[in-house]
Amino acid sequence: MLILFYQKIRKTRFSIYDQLRMDELPTLLPCDVEITYDRDRMPSADAVVFNLPFLYQELEGDLEKPDGQVWVAWSYESEANYPWMLSDELREVFDLWMTYHLDANIVLPYYDYTFKEKLFTPPCAKSGDVCMFVSSPVNNSHRLEYLSELMEYIPIDSYGYWRHNRSLPEDTGYTSKLEAIRRYRFTIAFENAISLDYVTEKFFEPLVMGSVPIYLGAPNIQTFAPSAHSFIDVREYTSPKALAERIKMYCQDEAAYSGLLAWKKNPLRQDLAKLIDGQKVHAFHRLALEIKRLKEK
């Protein structure tokens, strides 16, 4: 079976530590699958995978879909940031969807099977209260306005390009970011869009590193949480000022703060455990099996 990836796979983080390289992809697929990035082979491909957010900017003219060819829509991005992905015309063209949505044909989230162990990494002693890593100007969630007001009431160490006021002592890349998060009691985890199931590394990185996420984003965030009290839900507070007062209380009351990390000593909530179990077989392996199933119909 020949699968064409219409766009070359960029470095893509499937977990907070691991990045997929293009040369690793064949090892994640059944042995009877051939991978190509050569668009000249598109007419003979059994399936074509399109990375939707980048499709429009790379599209050269109209594409014709050969009879019997399986088209796969692949996206890590919220449709709130790319509303054209919700069009009925687009929905009719693709046979399979590989996204973070829990009802996708192939669920490809921002966590992987190794999270079963990583989530229980013990927390370390804290030297700071609140940090954030915000660089992107994408703001469909209106997170920047909320954070601007929140920063009037509580100090936040900002390591990203936006409102930058703190630098990493030694910036060796992603590992440095994680080590910085580990040292803080709280980490700002505001998504750039509010969509069902759109829960990104912003939420999972602090959980693994033993920092409590202050979360704004998916309305069903509890489904992805290791416990009901493992994060601060911005929606529960009437204003940024009220949220700031609650954060200050936790920073001053060590016993109350410790209760937010108590989940690390208990079994995962069933909802999250089930989601992680669903990633035991890598998403690209599941993709190949789904393509094979459709081709054999």
Protein backbone atom coordinates (compact mmCIF):
# COMPACT_ATOMS: atom_id res chain seq x y z
CA MET A 1 0.00 0.00 0.00
CA LEU A 2 1.35 3.41 -1.02
CA ILE A 3 0.61 6.44 1.17
CA LEU A 4 1.51 9.90 -0.07
CA PHE A 5 2.02 12.68 2.44
CA TYR A 6 1.15 15.73 0.38
CA GLN A 7 3.18 17.96 2.69
CA LYS A 8 6.40 16.76 4.22
CA ILE A 9 6.04 16.08 7.90
CA ARG A 10 7.55 18.90 9.88
CA LYS A 11 8.91 18.21 13.34
CA THR A 12 5.75 17.46 15.23
CA ARG A 13 5.52 16.98 18.97
CA PHE A 14 3.40 13.95 19.86
CA SER A 15 4.30 14.15 23.52
CA ILE A 16 5.99 16.80 25.58
CA TYR A 17 9.39 15.14 25.13
CA ASP A 18 9.30 13.37 21.78
CA GLN A 19 9.40 14.73 18.26
CA LEU A 20 8.64 12.73 15.14
CA ARG A 21 11.20 12.91 12.36
CA MET A 22 10.31 12.11 8.78
CA ASP A 23 12.79 9.23 8.66
CA GLU A 24 11.09 7.59 11.66
CA LEU A 25 7.66 7.42 10.06
CA PRO A 26 8.11 4.04 8.27
CA THR A 27 8.94 2.36 11.59
CA LEU A 28 5.51 3.37 12.91
CA LEU A 29 3.58 1.73 10.09
CA PRO A 30 2.84 -1.86 9.05
CA CYS A 31 5.63 -3.41 6.99
CA ASP A 32 3.52 -3.58 3.81
CA VAL A 33 3.15 0.22 3.69
CA GLU A 34 5.33 2.47 1.57
CA ILE A 35 5.58 6.17 2.35
CA THR A 36 6.31 8.82 -0.25
CA TYR A 37 6.42 12.61 -0.40
CA ASP A 38 6.72 12.59 -4.20
CA ARG A 39 3.60 14.32 -5.56
CA ASP A 40 4.32 12.90 -9.00
CA ARG A 41 3.23 9.53 -7.59
CA MET A 42 -0.14 10.86 -6.50
CA PRO A 43 -2.13 9.10 -9.30
CA SER A 44 -0.89 5.69 -8.10
CA ALA A 45 -1.15 6.32 -4.36
CA ASP A 46 -3.69 4.31 -2.38
CA ALA A 47 -4.11 7.22 0.02
CA VAL A 48 -3.09 10.85 0.28
CA VAL A 49 -2.65 12.62 3.62
CA PHE A 50 -3.12 16.39 3.66
CA ASN A 51 -2.00 18.60 6.54
CA LEU A 52 -5.04 20.88 6.35
CA PRO A 53 -3.74 24.12 7.91
CA PHE A 54 -0.96 24.21 5.31
CA LEU A 55 -3.00 22.96 2.36
CA TYR A 56 -4.31 26.26 1.04
CA GLN A 57 -0.95 27.99 1.08
CA GLU A 58 0.69 25.09 -0.80
CA LEU A 59 -2.11 24.21 -3.18
CA GLU A 60 -1.22 24.64 -6.83
CA GLY A 61 -4.50 24.72 -8.73
CA ASP A 62 -7.36 22.30 -8.15
CA LEU A 63 -6.74 18.73 -7.08
CA GLU A 64 -8.62 15.87 -8.67
CA LYS A 65 -9.37 12.84 -6.58
CA PRO A 66 -8.92 9.55 -8.48
CA ASP A 67 -11.60 6.91 -8.04
CA GLY A 68 -10.86 4.60 -5.14
CA GLN A 69 -8.17 6.81 -3.62
CA VAL A 70 -8.51 7.54 0.10
CA TRP A 71 -8.02 11.14 1.20
CA VAL A 72 -7.05 11.86 4.79
CA ALA A 73 -7.48 15.20 6.55
CA TRP A 74 -4.78 15.67 9.15
CA SER A 75 -4.76 18.62 11.56
CA TYR A 76 -3.51 19.55 15.00
CA GLU A 77 -5.09 22.99 14.81
CA SER A 78 -8.41 24.31 16.09
CA GLU A 79 -11.03 25.01 13.45
CA ALA A 80 -11.66 28.30 15.27
CA ASN A 81 -8.33 29.45 13.82
CA TYR A 82 -9.05 27.93 10.39
CA PRO A 83 -12.84 28.21 9.93
CA TRP A 84 -12.67 27.08 6.31
CA MET A 85 -11.94 23.58 7.64
CA LEU A 86 -15.59 23.39 8.73
CA SER A 87 -16.98 23.75 5.21
CA ASP A 88 -19.37 21.07 3.97
CA GLU A 89 -17.46 20.89 0.69
CA LEU A 90 -14.28 19.96 2.52
CA ARG A 91 -16.07 17.39 4.66
CA GLU A 92 -17.35 15.61 1.54
CA VAL A 93 -13.90 15.34 -0.06
CA PHE A 94 -12.11 13.55 2.77
CA ASP A 95 -12.67 9.91 3.73
CA LEU A 96 -10.79 9.92 7.03
CA TRP A 97 -10.05 12.55 9.66
CA MET A 98 -6.93 12.40 11.83
CA THR A 99 -7.22 15.16 14.43
CA TYR A 100 -7.29 15.84 18.17
CA HIS A 101 -11.09 15.49 18.20
CA LEU A 102 -12.22 12.51 20.27
CA ASP A 103 -14.70 11.50 17.54
CA ALA A 104 -12.10 11.58 14.73
CA ASN A 105 -11.48 8.40 12.72
CA ILE A 106 -7.92 8.47 14.04
CA VAL A 107 -7.53 10.40 17.29
CA LEU A 108 -4.18 12.20 17.32
CA PRO A 109 -3.98 14.25 20.54
CA TYR A 110 -1.29 16.22 22.32
CA TYR A 111 -0.45 13.30 24.61
CA ASP A 112 0.73 9.77 23.94
CA TYR A 113 0.79 6.39 25.65
CA THR A 114 3.95 7.25 27.63
CA PHE A 115 1.94 9.77 29.61
CA LYS A 116 0.80 6.92 31.85
CA GLU A 117 4.23 7.13 33.49
CA LYS A 118 5.22 10.72 32.77
CA LEU A 119 2.24 12.19 34.57
CA PHE A 120 3.50 10.71 37.82
CA THR A 121 6.86 12.47 37.70
CA PRO A 122 7.19 13.79 41.29
CA PRO A 123 7.16 17.58 41.74
CA CYS A 124 10.19 19.44 43.04
CA ALA A 125 10.54 22.35 45.46
CA LYS A 126 9.23 25.62 44.02
CA SER A 127 11.19 28.85 43.66
CA GLY A 128 8.57 30.89 41.79
CA ASP A 129 4.83 31.44 41.78
CA VAL A 130 3.47 31.91 38.23
CA CYS A 131 5.15 31.58 34.83
CA MET A 132 3.97 31.67 31.25
CA PHE A 133 5.33 30.99 27.77
CA VAL A 134 3.16 32.95 25.34
CA SER A 135 4.64 33.99 22.00
CA SER A 136 2.00 33.54 19.32
CA PRO A 137 -0.29 36.51 18.58
CA VAL A 138 -3.15 34.14 17.66
CA ASN A 139 -5.86 35.20 20.06
CA ASN A 140 -9.28 33.75 19.19
CA SER A 141 -9.74 32.88 22.86
CA HIS A 142 -9.07 36.52 23.86
CA ARG A 143 -6.39 35.21 26.16
CA LEU A 144 -4.14 38.23 25.73
CA GLU A 145 -6.77 40.65 27.02
CA TYR A 146 -7.46 38.44 30.04
CA LEU A 147 -3.77 38.03 30.81
CA SER A 148 -3.13 41.76 30.48
CA GLU A 149 -5.68 42.39 33.22
CA LEU A 150 -4.52 39.45 35.34
CA MET A 151 -0.97 40.85 35.32
CA GLU A 152 -2.29 44.02 36.96
CA TYR A 153 -3.13 42.00 40.07
CA ILE A 154 -0.42 39.36 40.26
CA PRO A 155 3.20 39.11 39.04
CA ILE A 156 3.74 36.63 36.19
CA ASP A 157 7.17 35.65 34.91
CA SER A 158 6.79 35.77 31.13
CA TYR A 159 9.42 33.84 29.17
CA GLY A 160 7.71 34.09 25.77
CA TYR A 161 7.86 36.93 23.25
CA TRP A 162 4.59 38.41 24.52
CA ARG A 163 5.07 40.61 27.59
CA HIS A 164 8.58 39.20 27.93
CA ASN A 165 10.05 40.04 31.32
CA ARG A 166 12.13 36.97 32.17
CA SER A 167 14.79 34.95 30.31
CA LEU A 168 15.91 31.38 30.77
CA PRO A 169 19.30 31.24 32.53
CA GLU A 170 20.52 28.81 29.88
CA ASP A 171 18.31 28.28 26.85
CA THR A 172 18.98 24.85 25.41
CA GLY A 173 15.57 24.63 23.78
CA TYR A 174 12.51 22.70 24.83
CA THR A 175 14.17 20.99 27.80
CA SER A 176 14.98 24.39 29.30
CA LYS A 177 11.34 25.38 29.05
CA LEU A 178 10.25 22.24 30.91
CA GLU A 179 12.85 22.75 33.63
CA ALA A 180 11.64 26.31 34.11
CA ILE A 181 8.02 25.17 34.43
CA ARG A 182 9.07 22.60 37.03
CA ARG A 183 10.24 25.38 39.38
CA TYR A 184 6.91 27.26 39.43
CA ARG A 185 3.80 26.59 41.49
CA PHE A 186 1.55 27.62 38.60
CA THR A 187 1.84 27.83 34.81
CA ILE A 188 -0.44 29.84 32.55
CA ALA A 189 -2.12 27.39 30.16
CA PHE A 190 -4.32 29.54 27.92
CA GLU A 191 -5.23 28.06 24.53
CA ASN A 192 -5.24 30.35 21.48
CA ALA A 193 -8.76 29.15 20.67
CA ILE A 194 -11.65 27.66 22.62
CA SER A 195 -12.83 24.46 20.98
CA LEU A 196 -14.19 21.13 22.15
CA ASP A 197 -11.34 18.63 22.71
CA TYR A 198 -8.67 21.23 21.79
CA VAL A 199 -6.34 20.59 24.72
CA THR A 200 -2.72 21.20 23.81
CA GLU A 201 0.71 20.86 25.37
CA LYS A 202 -0.03 24.07 27.28
CA PHE A 203 -2.12 21.97 29.66
CA PHE A 204 -0.11 18.76 29.70
CA GLU A 205 3.40 20.19 30.14
CA PRO A 206 2.74 21.65 33.61
CA LEU A 207 0.91 18.51 34.74
CA VAL A 208 3.91 16.34 33.93
CA MET A 209 6.43 18.75 35.40
CA GLY A 210 4.57 19.17 38.70
CA SER A 211 3.25 22.69 38.13
CA VAL A 212 -0.48 23.47 38.32
CA PRO A 213 -1.99 24.68 35.03
CA ILE A 214 -4.15 27.81 35.11
CA TYR A 215 -6.38 26.83 32.23
CA LEU A 216 -8.48 28.65 29.67
CA GLY A 217 -9.67 26.62 26.71
CA ALA A 218 -11.67 23.50 25.92
CA PRO A 219 -15.10 23.45 27.61
CA ASN A 220 -14.67 19.72 28.30
CA ILE A 221 -11.26 20.08 29.94
CA GLN A 222 -12.29 17.84 32.87
CA THR A 223 -12.24 14.88 30.46
CA PHE A 224 -8.49 15.41 30.02
CA ALA A 225 -7.61 16.15 33.64
CA PRO A 226 -5.97 13.56 35.94
CA SER A 227 -8.26 14.70 38.75
CA ALA A 228 -10.99 17.27 39.34
CA HIS A 229 -8.61 19.43 41.36
CA SER A 230 -5.41 19.13 39.33
CA PHE A 231 -5.74 22.53 37.65
CA ILE A 232 -7.28 25.97 38.05
CA ASP A 233 -10.25 26.51 35.71
CA VAL A 234 -10.46 30.19 34.74
CA ARG A 235 -14.20 29.80 34.05
CA GLU A 236 -14.85 29.35 37.77
CA TYR A 237 -13.79 32.91 38.57
CA THR A 238 -15.85 36.02 37.97
CA SER A 239 -12.91 38.21 36.98
CA PRO A 240 -9.11 38.23 36.57
CA LYS A 241 -8.94 39.96 39.95
CA ALA A 242 -10.85 37.14 41.62
CA LEU A 243 -8.57 34.59 39.97
CA ALA A 244 -5.49 36.50 41.13
CA GLU A 245 -6.76 36.46 44.73
CA ARG A 246 -7.21 32.68 44.59
CA ILE A 247 -3.71 32.16 43.18
CA LYS A 248 -2.22 34.36 45.92
CA MET A 249 -4.03 32.28 48.53
CA TYR A 250 -2.52 29.06 47.21
CA CYS A 251 0.95 30.60 47.03
CA GLN A 252 0.72 31.61 50.69
CA ASP A 253 -0.87 28.37 51.96
CA GLU A 254 1.47 25.47 51.30
CA ALA A 255 -1.00 22.85 52.58
CA ALA A 256 -3.75 24.10 50.25
CA TYR A 257 -1.32 24.18 47.33
CA SER A 258 -0.12 20.63 48.04
CA GLY A 259 -3.72 19.49 47.65
CA LEU A 260 -3.57 20.53 43.98
CA LEU A 261 -0.74 18.04 43.42
CA ALA A 262 -2.21 15.22 45.53
CA TRP A 263 -3.48 13.50 42.36
CA LYS A 264 0.07 12.37 41.59
CA LYS A 265 -0.23 9.87 44.45
CA ASN A 266 -3.53 8.40 43.23
CA PRO A 267 -4.71 6.46 40.16
CA LEU A 268 -5.63 8.47 37.08
CA ARG A 269 -9.26 9.36 36.54
CA GLN A 270 -10.95 6.78 34.34
CA ASP A 271 -11.69 9.27 31.55
CA LEU A 272 -8.04 10.23 31.07
CA ALA A 273 -6.74 6.69 31.58
CA LYS A 274 -9.04 5.49 28.80
CA LEU A 275 -7.88 8.26 26.44
CA ILE A 276 -4.22 7.42 27.06
CA ASP A 277 -4.88 3.70 26.53
CA GLY A 278 -6.32 4.64 23.13
CA GLN A 279 -2.85 5.81 22.09
CA LYS A 280 -1.12 2.48 22.75
CA VAL A 281 -1.03 1.85 19.01
CA HIS A 282 0.59 4.86 17.32
CA ALA A 283 -1.79 7.10 15.37
CA PHE A 284 0.01 6.53 12.05
CA HIS A 285 -0.23 2.77 12.47
CA ARG A 286 -3.96 3.14 13.14
CA LEU A 287 -4.18 5.36 10.07
CA ALA A 288 -2.70 2.66 7.85
CA LEU A 289 -5.15 0.09 9.23
CA GLU A 290 -8.10 2.43 8.54
CA ILE A 291 -6.93 3.04 4.98
CA LYS A 292 -6.59 -0.70 4.44
CA ARG A 293 -10.09 -1.26 5.80
CA LEU A 294 -11.57 1.29 3.39
CA LYS A 295 -9.65 -0.11 0.42
CA GLU A 296 -10.92 -3.61 1.12
CA LYS A 297 -14.58 -2.57 1.23
